[in-house]
Amino acid sequence: MTTLSTHVLDAALGVPAAGLAVVLSREGLELERATTDDDGRVAFTTRPPGGECALTFATGAWFAAAGRTAFHPQVDVALAVDPDEEHLHVALLLSPFAYTTYRGS
C-alpha cells in the first residue's frame, strides 16, 4: 500500500510554507488532517487507498494569517493513487496569485 507525503514552498518568498493546513480526502470523506512542519512538509500517517484521492491546501487562511492577500482561497489537488506503488509525493509551489503542483520523488 502507498505512503503519501507533500512539500509546500512559498515561491514568492523562497521559503517553506510552514503551518499550512492540508486535508487528505477520498470521495468527500476526510481521511487525515495535517499541518506542514517548519520545512513545509507533511508525511501522512494514513495510507491512501487506490483510486482517486485529493489533497486540499488551506492557502487563503495561511496567506491571511501572514497579512497577505491571495487569489486562491484553497488549492485542491486530485490524485490517482496506484496501490502497488511504494510512495507518492506531491509538491506544491505557492505565490499569492498562482500555484504549481507536480509529482515529486
C-alpha atoms as a PDB file:
ATOM      1  CA  MET A   1       0.000   0.000   0.000  1.00  0.00           C
ATOM      2  CA  THR A   2       1.194   3.502  -0.885  1.00  0.00           C
ATOM      3  CA  THR A   3       2.571   6.100   1.534  1.00  0.00           C
ATOM      4  CA  LEU A   4       1.926   9.789   0.811  1.00  0.00           C
ATOM      5  CA  SER A   5       3.825  12.990   1.528  1.00  0.00           C
ATOM      6  CA  THR A   6       3.718  16.609   0.427  1.00  0.00           C
ATOM      7  CA  HIS A   7       6.099  19.563   0.415  1.00  0.00           C
ATOM      8  CA  VAL A   8       4.869  23.144   0.074  1.00  0.00           C
ATOM      9  CA  LEU A   9       7.096  26.096  -0.764  1.00  0.00           C
ATOM     10  CA  ASP A  10       6.251  29.796  -0.776  1.00  0.00           C
ATOM     11  CA  ALA A  11       7.746  30.617  -4.164  1.00  0.00           C
ATOM     12  CA  ALA A  12       7.233  34.372  -3.695  1.00  0.00           C
ATOM     13  CA  LEU A  13       9.418  34.494  -0.593  1.00  0.00           C
ATOM     14  CA  GLY A  14      11.601  31.478  -1.347  1.00  0.00           C
ATOM     15  CA  VAL A  15      10.838  29.731   1.949  1.00  0.00           C
ATOM     16  CA  PRO A  16       8.956  26.615   3.085  1.00  0.00           C
ATOM     17  CA  ALA A  17       5.238  27.105   3.744  1.00  0.00           C
ATOM     18  CA  ALA A  18       5.247  26.175   7.438  1.00  0.00           C
ATOM     19  CA  GLY A  19       1.942  25.918   9.305  1.00  0.00           C
ATOM     20  CA  LEU A  20      -0.292  25.303   6.263  1.00  0.00           C
ATOM     21  CA  ALA A  21      -3.344  23.091   6.878  1.00  0.00           C
ATOM     22  CA  VAL A  22      -3.736  20.143   4.475  1.00  0.00           C
ATOM     23  CA  VAL A  23      -6.565  17.604   4.249  1.00  0.00           C
ATOM     24  CA  LEU A  24      -6.339  14.204   2.569  1.00  0.00           C
ATOM     25  CA  SER A  25      -9.751  13.008   1.386  1.00  0.00           C
ATOM     26  CA  ARG A  26     -11.474  10.477  -0.803  1.00  0.00           C
ATOM     27  CA  GLU A  27     -14.942  10.954  -2.282  1.00  0.00           C
ATOM     28  CA  GLY A  28     -15.529  13.913   0.034  1.00  0.00           C
ATOM     29  CA  LEU A  29     -14.627  11.923   3.156  1.00  0.00           C
ATOM     30  CA  GLU A  30     -11.758  13.298   5.232  1.00  0.00           C
ATOM     31  CA  LEU A  31      -9.065  10.655   5.773  1.00  0.00           C
ATOM     32  CA  GLU A  32      -6.492  12.807   7.580  1.00  0.00           C
ATOM     33  CA  ARG A  33      -5.922  16.437   8.542  1.00  0.00           C
ATOM     34  CA  ALA A  34      -2.362  17.704   8.995  1.00  0.00           C
ATOM     35  CA  THR A  35      -0.266  20.872   9.131  1.00  0.00           C
ATOM     36  CA  THR A  36       3.031  21.405   7.335  1.00  0.00           C
ATOM     37  CA  ASP A  37       6.114  21.376   9.555  1.00  0.00           C
ATOM     38  CA  ASP A  38       8.840  24.052   9.664  1.00  0.00           C
ATOM     39  CA  ASP A  39      10.216  22.707   6.377  1.00  0.00           C
ATOM     40  CA  GLY A  40       6.770  22.839   4.697  1.00  0.00           C
ATOM     41  CA  ARG A  41       6.367  19.052   4.761  1.00  0.00           C
ATOM     42  CA  VAL A  42       3.763  16.503   5.777  1.00  0.00           C
ATOM     43  CA  ALA A  43       4.237  12.743   5.837  1.00  0.00           C
ATOM     44  CA  PHE A  44       0.704  11.399   6.153  1.00  0.00           C
ATOM     45  CA  THR A  45       0.185   8.507   8.551  1.00  0.00           C
ATOM     46  CA  THR A  46      -2.918   7.393   6.654  1.00  0.00           C
ATOM     47  CA  ARG A  47      -2.114   5.302   3.610  1.00  0.00           C
ATOM     48  CA  PRO A  48      -4.425   6.437   0.811  1.00  0.00           C
ATOM     49  CA  PRO A  49      -6.496   3.715  -0.822  1.00  0.00           C
ATOM     50  CA  GLY A  50      -6.054   3.069  -4.526  1.00  0.00           C
ATOM     51  CA  GLY A  51      -8.062   5.217  -6.914  1.00  0.00           C
ATOM     52  CA  GLU A  52      -8.862   8.905  -6.753  1.00  0.00           C
ATOM     53  CA  CYS A  53      -7.988  10.922  -3.661  1.00  0.00           C
ATOM     54  CA  ALA A  54      -7.458  14.633  -3.078  1.00  0.00           C
ATOM     55  CA  LEU A  55      -5.268  16.982  -1.103  1.00  0.00           C
ATOM     56  CA  THR A  56      -6.842  20.302  -0.087  1.00  0.00           C
ATOM     57  CA  PHE A  57      -4.466  23.052   0.995  1.00  0.00           C
ATOM     58  CA  ALA A  58      -5.942  25.948   3.037  1.00  0.00           C
ATOM     59  CA  THR A  59      -3.932  28.603   1.214  1.00  0.00           C
ATOM     60  CA  GLY A  60      -6.270  31.551   1.792  1.00  0.00           C
ATOM     61  CA  ALA A  61      -6.200  31.192   5.569  1.00  0.00           C
ATOM     62  CA  TRP A  62      -2.444  30.636   5.511  1.00  0.00           C
ATOM     63  CA  PHE A  63      -1.759  33.812   3.498  1.00  0.00           C
ATOM     64  CA  ALA A  64      -4.274  35.805   5.607  1.00  0.00           C
ATOM     65  CA  ALA A  65      -2.523  34.742   8.834  1.00  0.00           C
ATOM     66  CA  ALA A  66       0.641  36.332   7.422  1.00  0.00           C
ATOM     67  CA  GLY A  67      -1.210  39.538   6.481  1.00  0.00           C
ATOM     68  CA  ARG A  68      -1.028  38.743   2.761  1.00  0.00           C
ATOM     69  CA  THR A  69      -3.884  38.628   0.287  1.00  0.00           C
ATOM     70  CA  ALA A  70      -4.313  35.653  -2.005  1.00  0.00           C
ATOM     71  CA  PHE A  71      -6.363  34.909  -5.092  1.00  0.00           C
ATOM     72  CA  HIS A  72      -6.929  31.198  -4.360  1.00  0.00           C
ATOM     73  CA  PRO A  73      -8.654  30.536  -1.009  1.00  0.00           C
ATOM     74  CA  GLN A  74      -7.696  26.886  -1.304  1.00  0.00           C
ATOM     75  CA  VAL A  75      -5.830  24.582  -3.631  1.00  0.00           C
ATOM     76  CA  ASP A  76      -7.349  21.206  -4.462  1.00  0.00           C
ATOM     77  CA  VAL A  77      -5.066  18.602  -5.998  1.00  0.00           C
ATOM     78  CA  ALA A  78      -6.709  15.439  -7.325  1.00  0.00           C
ATOM     79  CA  LEU A  79      -4.530  12.321  -7.220  1.00  0.00           C
ATOM     80  CA  ALA A  80      -4.692   8.978  -8.977  1.00  0.00           C
ATOM     81  CA  VAL A  81      -3.245   6.574  -6.412  1.00  0.00           C
ATOM     82  CA  ASP A  82      -1.799   3.282  -7.602  1.00  0.00           C
ATOM     83  CA  PRO A  83      -1.856   0.994  -4.520  1.00  0.00           C
ATOM     84  CA  ASP A  84       1.069  -1.005  -5.912  1.00  0.00           C
ATOM     85  CA  GLU A  85       3.391   1.999  -5.727  1.00  0.00           C
ATOM     86  CA  GLU A  86       5.536   2.288  -2.631  1.00  0.00           C
ATOM     87  CA  HIS A  87       5.373   6.092  -2.251  1.00  0.00           C
ATOM     88  CA  LEU A  88       3.622   9.127  -3.735  1.00  0.00           C
ATOM     89  CA  HIS A  89       4.968  12.657  -3.163  1.00  0.00           C
ATOM     90  CA  VAL A  90       3.090  15.827  -4.124  1.00  0.00           C
ATOM     91  CA  ALA A  91       4.950  19.131  -4.341  1.00  0.00           C
ATOM     92  CA  LEU A  92       3.152  22.497  -4.290  1.00  0.00           C
ATOM     93  CA  LEU A  93       4.739  25.841  -5.140  1.00  0.00           C
ATOM     94  CA  LEU A  94       2.688  28.836  -3.940  1.00  0.00           C
ATOM     95  CA  SER A  95       2.539  32.523  -4.598  1.00  0.00           C
ATOM     96  CA  PRO A  96      -0.333  34.838  -3.628  1.00  0.00           C
ATOM     97  CA  PHE A  97      -1.797  34.719  -7.134  1.00  0.00           C
ATOM     98  CA  ALA A  98      -0.692  31.399  -8.635  1.00  0.00           C
ATOM     99  CA  TYR A  99       0.345  27.877  -7.797  1.00  0.00           C
ATOM    100  CA  THR A 100       2.052  24.941  -9.449  1.00  0.00           C
ATOM    101  CA  THR A 101       1.896  21.339  -8.399  1.00  0.00           C
ATOM    102  CA  TYR A 102       3.768  18.299  -9.588  1.00  0.00           C
ATOM    103  CA  ARG A 103       4.554  14.754  -8.624  1.00  0.00           C
ATOM    104  CA  GLY A 104       7.834  14.707  -6.786  1.00  0.00           C
ATOM    105  CA  SER A 105      10.087  11.889  -5.728  1.00  0.00           C
END
